[in-house]
């Protein structure tokens, strides 16, 4: 079976738009929270960016999925879609977001399978304060801010695993820049 390359229209965004798009594999993946925490990212509303118009939008995408059977299956399908349909946007990796304090062994094993479909994987742990916190009350972080000192249990700080994912995303962009410039 052959598939044609999809050419999507650029996603409307304020200029300058986000440096990286977060693509929810499904509703409730945690994209809104991550896009708030990581101020250099944006929510692409579960649609792939076109990837061909770098003057209008960033070609970089990170898939986000909740660590549930449904979430991981949706992520796996979207990751395969990106490869099989030869989408133009640059998939940097996958963020999985804990759905509870513990992860069932079968889901942990399936997550290991799903993350092999992408170059990078970052995991966001369960943060018990998040369900009761409104987005505007959460702090924001930008790579130019540097890595802040972490104070154990501090609610006012961006969680370390979120910052680690942000640093990993920036590193993945830096690694892909020669690839982007060469046109491959």
Protein backbone atom coordinates (compact mmCIF):
# COMPACT_ATOMS: atom_id res chain seq x y z
CA UNK A 1 0.00 0.00 0.00
CA UNK A 2 1.42 3.37 -0.96
CA UNK A 3 0.42 6.56 0.72
CA UNK A 4 0.67 10.12 -0.51
CA UNK A 5 2.30 12.87 1.47
CA UNK A 6 -0.22 15.03 3.30
CA UNK A 7 0.15 18.77 2.74
CA UNK A 8 -1.71 20.55 5.53
CA UNK A 9 -2.26 24.27 5.81
CA UNK A 10 -0.18 26.10 8.44
CA UNK A 11 -1.74 26.32 11.89
CA UNK A 12 -2.87 29.87 12.69
CA UNK A 13 -0.80 31.30 15.56
CA UNK A 14 0.30 34.66 16.86
CA UNK A 15 3.68 35.72 15.44
CA UNK A 16 6.12 34.59 16.42
CA UNK A 17 4.45 31.24 16.95
CA UNK A 18 5.67 28.51 19.24
CA UNK A 19 9.08 26.94 18.66
CA UNK A 20 7.53 23.47 19.05
CA UNK A 21 4.02 22.12 18.61
CA UNK A 22 2.60 19.68 21.16
CA UNK A 23 0.29 17.23 19.43
CA UNK A 24 -2.16 15.40 21.68
CA UNK A 25 -2.61 11.82 20.53
CA UNK A 26 -6.08 12.09 22.07
CA UNK A 27 -8.16 14.46 24.17
CA UNK A 28 -7.04 14.67 27.80
CA UNK A 29 -3.41 13.85 27.06
CA UNK A 30 -2.11 16.81 29.07
CA UNK A 31 -1.18 19.14 26.21
CA UNK A 32 -2.80 22.25 27.73
CA UNK A 33 -0.88 21.86 30.97
CA UNK A 34 2.43 21.15 29.23
CA UNK A 35 1.95 24.03 26.77
CA UNK A 36 1.34 26.32 29.73
CA UNK A 37 4.37 25.10 31.69
CA UNK A 38 6.69 25.15 28.64
CA UNK A 39 6.21 28.67 27.28
CA UNK A 40 8.08 27.96 24.04
CA UNK A 41 5.54 25.30 22.98
CA UNK A 42 2.02 25.51 21.59
CA UNK A 43 -1.01 23.25 21.30
CA UNK A 44 -1.65 22.31 17.67
CA UNK A 45 -5.16 21.04 18.48
CA UNK A 46 -4.43 17.43 17.50
CA UNK A 47 -3.58 18.30 13.88
CA UNK A 48 -0.20 17.82 12.29
CA UNK A 49 1.57 21.07 11.33
CA UNK A 50 2.29 21.38 7.61
CA UNK A 51 6.03 21.32 8.23
CA UNK A 52 6.85 22.98 4.91
CA UNK A 53 6.31 26.65 5.68
CA UNK A 54 8.98 27.47 8.28
CA UNK A 55 8.37 31.19 7.74
CA UNK A 56 4.81 30.73 9.07
CA UNK A 57 5.07 27.92 11.63
CA UNK A 58 7.56 25.69 13.36
CA UNK A 59 8.06 22.28 11.73
CA UNK A 60 8.81 20.67 15.13
CA UNK A 61 6.29 18.41 16.84
CA UNK A 62 6.24 16.42 20.08
CA UNK A 63 3.47 13.85 20.51
CA UNK A 64 1.78 13.78 23.95
CA UNK A 65 -0.19 10.82 25.32
CA UNK A 66 -1.69 9.81 28.64
CA UNK A 67 -0.36 6.53 30.03
CA UNK A 68 -3.57 4.59 29.55
CA UNK A 69 -4.29 1.74 27.15
CA UNK A 70 -6.37 4.12 25.02
CA UNK A 71 -3.76 6.89 25.13
CA UNK A 72 -0.85 4.66 24.20
CA UNK A 73 -2.81 3.02 21.36
CA UNK A 74 -3.71 6.43 19.95
CA UNK A 75 -0.10 7.61 20.24
CA UNK A 76 1.17 4.47 18.52
CA UNK A 77 -1.29 4.95 15.65
CA UNK A 78 -0.34 8.64 15.23
CA UNK A 79 3.39 7.86 15.33
CA UNK A 80 2.93 5.22 12.64
CA UNK A 81 0.80 7.68 10.63
CA UNK A 82 3.64 10.21 10.68
CA UNK A 83 6.08 7.67 9.26
CA UNK A 84 3.79 5.95 6.75
CA UNK A 85 2.26 9.12 5.33
CA UNK A 86 5.67 10.77 5.14
CA UNK A 87 4.43 13.93 6.86
CA UNK A 88 6.69 16.94 6.38
CA UNK A 89 6.78 18.09 10.02
CA UNK A 90 9.71 16.96 12.15
CA UNK A 91 8.62 14.60 14.93
CA UNK A 92 11.06 15.13 17.80
CA UNK A 93 9.67 12.61 20.23
CA UNK A 94 6.93 11.47 22.57
CA UNK A 95 5.91 12.68 26.01
CA UNK A 96 3.88 10.26 28.10
CA UNK A 97 1.95 11.64 31.05
CA UNK A 98 1.17 9.49 34.10
CA UNK A 99 -2.53 8.86 34.65
CA UNK A 100 -2.09 7.74 38.28
CA UNK A 101 0.68 7.37 40.86
CA UNK A 102 1.41 3.82 39.67
CA UNK A 103 1.54 2.24 36.24
CA UNK A 104 0.31 -1.29 35.59
CA UNK A 105 3.02 -3.67 34.30
CA UNK A 106 1.18 -4.32 31.02
CA UNK A 107 0.91 -0.55 30.35
CA UNK A 108 4.57 -0.05 31.24
CA UNK A 109 5.49 -2.78 28.74
CA UNK A 110 3.25 -1.30 26.05
CA UNK A 111 4.75 2.15 26.65
CA UNK A 112 8.17 0.60 25.99
CA UNK A 113 6.89 -0.67 22.62
CA UNK A 114 5.25 2.65 21.67
CA UNK A 115 8.29 4.75 22.49
CA UNK A 116 10.40 2.73 20.03
CA UNK A 117 8.37 4.37 17.23
CA UNK A 118 10.06 7.72 17.92
CA UNK A 119 13.58 9.03 18.49
CA UNK A 120 13.02 10.45 21.99
CA UNK A 121 10.77 9.79 24.96
CA UNK A 122 10.12 11.91 28.01
CA UNK A 123 7.88 10.89 30.91
CA UNK A 124 5.88 13.20 33.14
CA UNK A 125 5.16 11.66 36.54
CA UNK A 126 1.93 11.88 38.50
CA UNK A 127 1.66 15.23 40.28
CA UNK A 128 -1.18 15.01 42.79
CA UNK A 129 -1.65 18.79 42.98
CA UNK A 130 -2.34 19.23 39.25
CA UNK A 131 -6.00 18.14 39.08
CA UNK A 132 -6.92 20.78 41.68
CA UNK A 133 -4.85 23.61 40.16
CA UNK A 134 -6.07 25.99 37.46
CA UNK A 135 -3.79 26.60 34.46
CA UNK A 136 -3.29 30.33 35.14
CA UNK A 137 -2.00 29.46 38.63
CA UNK A 138 0.79 27.28 37.22
CA UNK A 139 4.23 28.77 36.62
CA UNK A 140 5.83 28.95 33.18
CA UNK A 141 9.34 28.07 32.03
CA UNK A 142 11.40 29.06 28.99
CA UNK A 143 14.82 27.62 28.11
CA UNK A 144 16.36 31.10 28.28
CA UNK A 145 15.41 31.16 31.97
CA UNK A 146 17.98 28.44 32.67
CA UNK A 147 17.27 25.43 34.83
CA UNK A 148 15.82 26.64 38.13
CA UNK A 149 16.80 25.31 41.50
CA UNK A 150 14.27 22.71 42.58
CA UNK A 151 12.80 22.91 46.06
CA UNK A 152 11.24 19.61 47.10
CA UNK A 153 7.46 19.86 47.33
CA UNK A 154 7.31 23.45 46.06
CA UNK A 155 4.05 23.94 44.17
CA UNK A 156 5.19 27.25 42.77
CA UNK A 157 7.95 25.65 40.72
CA UNK A 158 7.68 23.94 37.36
CA UNK A 159 8.17 20.22 38.14
CA UNK A 160 11.64 18.84 37.42
CA UNK A 161 10.34 16.20 35.00
CA UNK A 162 8.60 18.92 32.96
CA UNK A 163 11.80 20.97 32.81
CA UNK A 164 13.77 17.84 31.90
CA UNK A 165 11.34 17.24 29.02
CA UNK A 166 11.72 20.90 27.96
CA UNK A 167 15.51 20.64 28.00
CA UNK A 168 15.27 17.37 26.04
CA UNK A 169 13.04 19.01 23.43
CA UNK A 170 15.45 21.93 23.00
CA UNK A 171 18.33 19.46 22.66
CA UNK A 172 16.40 17.50 20.03
CA UNK A 173 15.81 20.72 18.07
CA UNK A 174 19.51 21.58 18.24
CA UNK A 175 20.41 18.10 16.94
CA UNK A 176 17.94 18.44 14.05
CA UNK A 177 19.12 21.86 12.86
CA UNK A 178 21.87 20.55 10.54
CA UNK A 179 19.27 18.12 9.16
CA UNK A 180 16.80 20.96 8.56
CA UNK A 181 19.42 23.16 6.88
CA UNK A 182 20.58 20.39 4.57
CA UNK A 183 17.04 19.85 3.28
CA UNK A 184 16.93 16.14 4.15
